[in-house]
Amino acid sequence: MTTQQFKTTINCANCLRAITPALNAEPAISTWQVDTSTPDKLLTVTTSLPPAQVVALVEEAGFSAQPVS
């Protein structure tokens, strides 16, 4: 498992409610959180998934995400 960070468009409580089922349903994600107080709306994920797959999950839920290098 690695910890990865992504810039996202998840910016409010309603957005968090929308993304929660998608991220919680993925067994390869052990923990995740979004810091909506930062300009980049950082999503931090502990997972065995590659970054592209995390981005795909976020996009399927209607948001955008970019890996932070």
C-alpha atoms as a PDB file:
ATOM      1  CA  MET A   1       0.000   0.000   0.000  1.00  0.00           C
ATOM      2  CA  THR A   2       1.166   3.495  -0.806  1.00  0.00           C
ATOM      3  CA  THR A   3      -0.150   6.920   0.091  1.00  0.00           C
ATOM      4  CA  GLN A   4      -0.994   9.024  -2.945  1.00  0.00           C
ATOM      5  CA  GLN A   5      -2.250  12.586  -3.302  1.00  0.00           C
ATOM      6  CA  PHE A   6      -4.431  14.121  -6.000  1.00  0.00           C
ATOM      7  CA  LYS A   7      -5.654  17.616  -6.843  1.00  0.00           C
ATOM      8  CA  THR A   8      -9.442  17.374  -7.209  1.00  0.00           C
ATOM      9  CA  THR A   9     -12.659  19.280  -7.774  1.00  0.00           C
ATOM     10  CA  ILE A  10     -14.188  17.809  -4.592  1.00  0.00           C
ATOM     11  CA  ASN A  11     -14.882  21.043  -2.746  1.00  0.00           C
ATOM     12  CA  CYS A  12     -17.854  20.777  -0.367  1.00  0.00           C
ATOM     13  CA  ALA A  13     -19.853  18.482   1.896  1.00  0.00           C
ATOM     14  CA  ASN A  14     -22.211  17.529  -0.942  1.00  0.00           C
ATOM     15  CA  CYS A  15     -19.217  16.579  -3.085  1.00  0.00           C
ATOM     16  CA  LEU A  16     -17.878  14.430  -0.257  1.00  0.00           C
ATOM     17  CA  ARG A  17     -21.246  12.679   0.022  1.00  0.00           C
ATOM     18  CA  ALA A  18     -21.141  11.989  -3.723  1.00  0.00           C
ATOM     19  CA  ILE A  19     -17.606  10.560  -3.780  1.00  0.00           C
ATOM     20  CA  THR A  20     -17.839   8.509  -0.559  1.00  0.00           C
ATOM     21  CA  PRO A  21     -19.690   5.474  -2.006  1.00  0.00           C
ATOM     22  CA  ALA A  22     -17.223   5.125  -4.898  1.00  0.00           C
ATOM     23  CA  LEU A  23     -14.107   5.283  -2.712  1.00  0.00           C
ATOM     24  CA  ASN A  24     -15.536   3.219   0.153  1.00  0.00           C
ATOM     25  CA  ALA A  25     -16.637   0.463  -2.250  1.00  0.00           C
ATOM     26  CA  GLU A  26     -13.099  -0.069  -3.586  1.00  0.00           C
ATOM     27  CA  PRO A  27     -11.467  -2.841  -1.526  1.00  0.00           C
ATOM     28  CA  ALA A  28      -7.956  -1.772  -2.599  1.00  0.00           C
ATOM     29  CA  ILE A  29      -8.406   1.588  -0.808  1.00  0.00           C
ATOM     30  CA  SER A  30      -7.732   1.289   2.915  1.00  0.00           C
ATOM     31  CA  THR A  31      -8.135   4.980   3.845  1.00  0.00           C
ATOM     32  CA  TRP A  32      -8.899   8.253   2.123  1.00  0.00           C
ATOM     33  CA  GLN A  33      -9.657  11.856   2.988  1.00  0.00           C
ATOM     34  CA  VAL A  34     -10.161  15.144   1.174  1.00  0.00           C
ATOM     35  CA  ASP A  35      -8.827  18.440   2.519  1.00  0.00           C
ATOM     36  CA  THR A  36     -11.376  20.909   1.130  1.00  0.00           C
ATOM     37  CA  SER A  37      -9.669  23.805   2.924  1.00  0.00           C
ATOM     38  CA  THR A  38      -6.711  23.793   0.520  1.00  0.00           C
ATOM     39  CA  PRO A  39      -6.872  25.428  -2.930  1.00  0.00           C
ATOM     40  CA  ASP A  40      -6.032  22.087  -4.590  1.00  0.00           C
ATOM     41  CA  LYS A  41      -8.746  20.167  -2.649  1.00  0.00           C
ATOM     42  CA  LEU A  42      -6.225  17.430  -1.919  1.00  0.00           C
ATOM     43  CA  LEU A  43      -7.418  13.847  -1.875  1.00  0.00           C
ATOM     44  CA  THR A  44      -5.071  11.588   0.096  1.00  0.00           C
ATOM     45  CA  VAL A  45      -5.535   7.868  -0.530  1.00  0.00           C
ATOM     46  CA  THR A  46      -3.787   4.833   0.950  1.00  0.00           C
ATOM     47  CA  THR A  47      -4.153   2.133  -1.667  1.00  0.00           C
ATOM     48  CA  SER A  48      -2.509  -0.564  -3.748  1.00  0.00           C
ATOM     49  CA  LEU A  49      -4.132   0.849  -6.899  1.00  0.00           C
ATOM     50  CA  PRO A  50      -2.070   2.706  -9.490  1.00  0.00           C
ATOM     51  CA  PRO A  51      -2.761   6.469  -9.629  1.00  0.00           C
ATOM     52  CA  ALA A  52      -4.581   6.169 -12.970  1.00  0.00           C
ATOM     53  CA  GLN A  53      -7.142   3.820 -11.419  1.00  0.00           C
ATOM     54  CA  VAL A  54      -7.793   6.209  -8.509  1.00  0.00           C
ATOM     55  CA  VAL A  55      -8.290   9.019 -11.050  1.00  0.00           C
ATOM     56  CA  ALA A  56     -10.764   6.801 -12.936  1.00  0.00           C
ATOM     57  CA  LEU A  57     -12.765   6.146  -9.742  1.00  0.00           C
ATOM     58  CA  VAL A  58     -12.955   9.864  -8.978  1.00  0.00           C
ATOM     59  CA  GLU A  59     -13.951  10.676 -12.561  1.00  0.00           C
ATOM     60  CA  GLU A  60     -16.667   7.996 -12.549  1.00  0.00           C
ATOM     61  CA  ALA A  61     -18.171   9.815  -9.555  1.00  0.00           C
ATOM     62  CA  GLY A  62     -18.266  13.066 -11.549  1.00  0.00           C
ATOM     63  CA  PHE A  63     -15.137  14.847 -10.329  1.00  0.00           C
ATOM     64  CA  SER A  64     -11.686  15.431 -11.763  1.00  0.00           C
ATOM     65  CA  ALA A  65      -8.392  14.398 -10.180  1.00  0.00           C
ATOM     66  CA  GLN A  66      -4.729  14.830 -11.047  1.00  0.00           C
ATOM     67  CA  PRO A  67      -1.878  13.047  -9.286  1.00  0.00           C
ATOM     68  CA  VAL A  68       0.415  15.331  -7.287  1.00  0.00           C
ATOM     69  CA  SER A  69       4.046  14.525  -8.010  1.00  0.00           C
END
